[in-house]
Amino acid sequence: MLVSDRVKRLLKLVPGERRFGFYRFLPFFFVLGGAMEWFMINVRIGKETFYDVYRRKQSERLYEARMEKGE
């Protein structure tokens, strides 16, 4: 059995094919996006989360822009 046949058979197990078509997979993507967002906010790698790094880089960019304007 080919891998694509296995994938097709697995996708057929998801309910709602006749009513929703391809859009029946949207709840899975919403849950995946929510889980990824929770991971980025709450899980620390080392001493920082993703948002700690984002805020620090944003403040560095603002500082550099202000220094360029001041010069």
N, C-alpha and C. Protein backbone atom coordinates (compact mmCIF):
# COMPACT_ATOMS: atom_id res chain seq x y z
N MET A 1 0.85 -1.19 0.00
CA MET A 1 0.00 0.00 0.00
C MET A 1 0.89 1.24 0.00
N LEU A 2 0.60 2.15 -0.87
CA LEU A 2 1.37 3.38 -0.97
C LEU A 2 1.06 4.32 0.19
N VAL A 3 1.97 5.22 0.45
CA VAL A 3 1.77 6.19 1.53
C VAL A 3 0.57 7.08 1.22
N SER A 4 0.41 7.48 -0.04
CA SER A 4 -0.71 8.36 -0.39
C SER A 4 -2.04 7.66 -0.16
N ASP A 5 -2.12 6.34 -0.38
CA ASP A 5 -3.35 5.61 -0.10
C ASP A 5 -3.64 5.59 1.39
N ARG A 6 -2.60 5.45 2.19
CA ARG A 6 -2.79 5.48 3.64
C ARG A 6 -3.26 6.84 4.11
N VAL A 7 -2.68 7.89 3.53
CA VAL A 7 -3.09 9.25 3.91
C VAL A 7 -4.54 9.50 3.50
N LYS A 8 -4.91 9.06 2.30
CA LYS A 8 -6.30 9.24 1.85
C LYS A 8 -7.27 8.50 2.76
N ARG A 9 -6.89 7.31 3.17
CA ARG A 9 -7.77 6.53 4.05
C ARG A 9 -7.88 7.20 5.42
N LEU A 10 -6.79 7.75 5.90
CA LEU A 10 -6.81 8.46 7.18
C LEU A 10 -7.66 9.72 7.10
N LEU A 11 -7.56 10.45 5.99
CA LEU A 11 -8.36 11.67 5.83
C LEU A 11 -9.84 11.36 5.68
N LYS A 12 -10.17 10.22 5.13
CA LYS A 12 -11.58 9.82 5.00
C LYS A 12 -12.22 9.56 6.36
N LEU A 13 -11.42 9.29 7.39
CA LEU A 13 -11.96 9.02 8.72
C LEU A 13 -12.46 10.28 9.41
N VAL A 14 -12.05 11.46 8.94
CA VAL A 14 -12.50 12.72 9.54
C VAL A 14 -13.95 12.96 9.10
N PRO A 15 -14.87 13.12 10.05
CA PRO A 15 -16.28 13.27 9.69
C PRO A 15 -16.58 14.61 9.03
N GLY A 16 -17.72 14.65 8.31
CA GLY A 16 -18.21 15.89 7.72
C GLY A 16 -17.79 16.11 6.29
N GLU A 17 -17.37 15.08 5.59
CA GLU A 17 -16.88 15.27 4.22
C GLU A 17 -17.97 15.77 3.29
N ARG A 18 -19.17 15.20 3.38
CA ARG A 18 -20.24 15.60 2.47
C ARG A 18 -20.74 17.01 2.74
N ARG A 19 -20.84 17.37 4.01
CA ARG A 19 -21.41 18.67 4.36
C ARG A 19 -20.38 19.81 4.24
N PHE A 20 -19.17 19.59 4.75
CA PHE A 20 -18.19 20.68 4.82
C PHE A 20 -17.07 20.57 3.79
N GLY A 21 -16.88 19.42 3.20
CA GLY A 21 -15.81 19.24 2.21
C GLY A 21 -14.45 19.42 2.85
N PHE A 22 -13.59 20.16 2.17
CA PHE A 22 -12.23 20.37 2.66
C PHE A 22 -12.20 21.17 3.96
N TYR A 23 -13.21 21.99 4.19
CA TYR A 23 -13.23 22.86 5.36
C TYR A 23 -13.45 22.11 6.67
N ARG A 24 -13.69 20.84 6.61
CA ARG A 24 -13.87 20.06 7.84
C ARG A 24 -12.58 19.98 8.64
N PHE A 25 -11.46 20.34 8.04
CA PHE A 25 -10.18 20.30 8.74
C PHE A 25 -9.87 21.60 9.50
N LEU A 26 -10.66 22.64 9.31
CA LEU A 26 -10.39 23.92 9.96
C LEU A 26 -10.28 23.84 11.49
N PRO A 27 -11.14 23.10 12.19
CA PRO A 27 -10.97 23.03 13.64
C PRO A 27 -9.60 22.52 14.07
N PHE A 28 -9.03 21.61 13.32
CA PHE A 28 -7.70 21.11 13.65
C PHE A 28 -6.65 22.22 13.55
N PHE A 29 -6.78 23.06 12.53
CA PHE A 29 -5.82 24.14 12.36
C PHE A 29 -5.99 25.22 13.44
N PHE A 30 -7.23 25.48 13.85
CA PHE A 30 -7.46 26.43 14.94
C PHE A 30 -6.83 25.93 16.24
N VAL A 31 -7.02 24.65 16.52
CA VAL A 31 -6.44 24.07 17.74
C VAL A 31 -4.93 24.08 17.66
N LEU A 32 -4.38 23.75 16.50
CA LEU A 32 -2.92 23.77 16.32
C LEU A 32 -2.37 25.17 16.51
N GLY A 33 -3.04 26.19 15.95
CA GLY A 33 -2.60 27.57 16.11
C GLY A 33 -2.67 28.03 17.55
N GLY A 34 -3.75 27.65 18.24
CA GLY A 34 -3.88 28.01 19.65
C GLY A 34 -2.81 27.36 20.51
N ALA A 35 -2.52 26.10 20.22
CA ALA A 35 -1.48 25.39 20.98
C ALA A 35 -0.11 26.02 20.73
N MET A 36 0.15 26.41 19.50
CA MET A 36 1.44 27.04 19.19
C MET A 36 1.56 28.39 19.89
N GLU A 37 0.47 29.15 19.92
CA GLU A 37 0.47 30.45 20.60
C GLU A 37 0.70 30.26 22.10
N TRP A 38 0.02 29.29 22.71
CA TRP A 38 0.21 29.01 24.13
C TRP A 38 1.66 28.63 24.42
N PHE A 39 2.23 27.80 23.54
CA PHE A 39 3.61 27.37 23.71
C PHE A 39 4.56 28.57 23.66
N MET A 40 4.33 29.48 22.72
CA MET A 40 5.22 30.63 22.57
C MET A 40 5.10 31.59 23.75
N ILE A 41 3.94 31.66 24.38
CA ILE A 41 3.76 32.57 25.51
C ILE A 41 4.28 31.96 26.80
N ASN A 42 4.03 30.70 27.04
CA ASN A 42 4.24 30.12 28.36
C ASN A 42 5.50 29.26 28.52
N VAL A 43 6.04 28.72 27.48
CA VAL A 43 7.17 27.79 27.61
C VAL A 43 8.47 28.57 27.51
N ARG A 44 9.27 28.43 28.52
CA ARG A 44 10.56 29.11 28.55
C ARG A 44 11.65 28.17 28.03
N ILE A 45 12.43 28.67 27.12
CA ILE A 45 13.61 27.95 26.64
C ILE A 45 14.79 28.75 27.14
N GLY A 46 15.53 28.17 28.05
CA GLY A 46 16.55 28.94 28.75
C GLY A 46 15.85 29.83 29.76
N LYS A 47 16.04 31.13 29.63
CA LYS A 47 15.38 32.07 30.54
C LYS A 47 14.35 32.93 29.83
N GLU A 48 14.09 32.68 28.54
CA GLU A 48 13.23 33.57 27.78
C GLU A 48 12.15 32.80 27.03
N THR A 49 11.02 33.48 26.84
CA THR A 49 9.98 32.97 25.96
C THR A 49 10.14 33.69 24.62
N PHE A 50 9.35 33.25 23.65
CA PHE A 50 9.37 33.88 22.34
C PHE A 50 9.02 35.37 22.44
N TYR A 51 8.02 35.70 23.26
CA TYR A 51 7.59 37.08 23.36
C TYR A 51 8.58 37.96 24.09
N ASP A 52 9.35 37.40 25.02
CA ASP A 52 10.42 38.18 25.66
C ASP A 52 11.43 38.63 24.60
N VAL A 53 11.81 37.70 23.74
CA VAL A 53 12.77 38.02 22.68
C VAL A 53 12.16 39.04 21.72
N TYR A 54 10.89 38.87 21.37
CA TYR A 54 10.23 39.79 20.44
C TYR A 54 10.18 41.21 21.00
N ARG A 55 9.79 41.32 22.29
CA ARG A 55 9.72 42.66 22.90
C ARG A 55 11.09 43.31 22.99
N ARG A 56 12.11 42.53 23.32
CA ARG A 56 13.46 43.09 23.41
C ARG A 56 13.94 43.58 22.05
N LYS A 57 13.74 42.78 21.02
CA LYS A 57 14.17 43.20 19.67
C LYS A 57 13.39 44.42 19.21
N GLN A 58 12.11 44.49 19.52
CA GLN A 58 11.31 45.65 19.12
C GLN A 58 11.82 46.91 19.81
N SER A 59 12.12 46.82 21.10
CA SER A 59 12.62 48.00 21.80
C SER A 59 14.01 48.40 21.29
N GLU A 60 14.83 47.40 20.90
CA GLU A 60 16.14 47.73 20.31
C GLU A 60 15.96 48.47 18.99
N ARG A 61 15.02 48.03 18.16
CA ARG A 61 14.78 48.70 16.88
C ARG A 61 14.28 50.13 17.10
N LEU A 62 13.38 50.32 18.06
CA LEU A 62 12.90 51.67 18.35
C LEU A 62 14.02 52.57 18.84
N TYR A 63 14.89 52.05 19.69
CA TYR A 63 16.02 52.81 20.21
C TYR A 63 16.96 53.22 19.07
N GLU A 64 17.24 52.26 18.18
CA GLU A 64 18.12 52.58 17.05
C GLU A 64 17.50 53.62 16.13
N ALA A 65 16.19 53.54 15.93
CA ALA A 65 15.52 54.54 15.08
C ALA A 65 15.57 55.92 15.71
N ARG A 66 15.40 55.98 17.01
CA ARG A 66 15.48 57.27 17.72
C ARG A 66 16.89 57.84 17.66
N MET A 67 17.89 56.99 17.77
CA MET A 67 19.28 57.46 17.72
C MET A 67 19.62 57.98 16.32
N GLU A 68 19.09 57.33 15.29
CA GLU A 68 19.34 57.81 13.92
C GLU A 68 18.66 59.16 13.69
N LYS A 69 17.47 59.36 14.23
CA LYS A 69 16.78 60.63 14.08
C LYS A 69 17.51 61.75 14.84
N GLY A 70 18.05 61.39 15.99
CA GLY A 70 18.74 62.38 16.81
C GLY A 70 20.07 62.81 16.23
N GLU A 71 20.66 62.00 15.40
CA GLU A 71 21.99 62.34 14.83
C GLU A 71 21.88 63.22 13.61
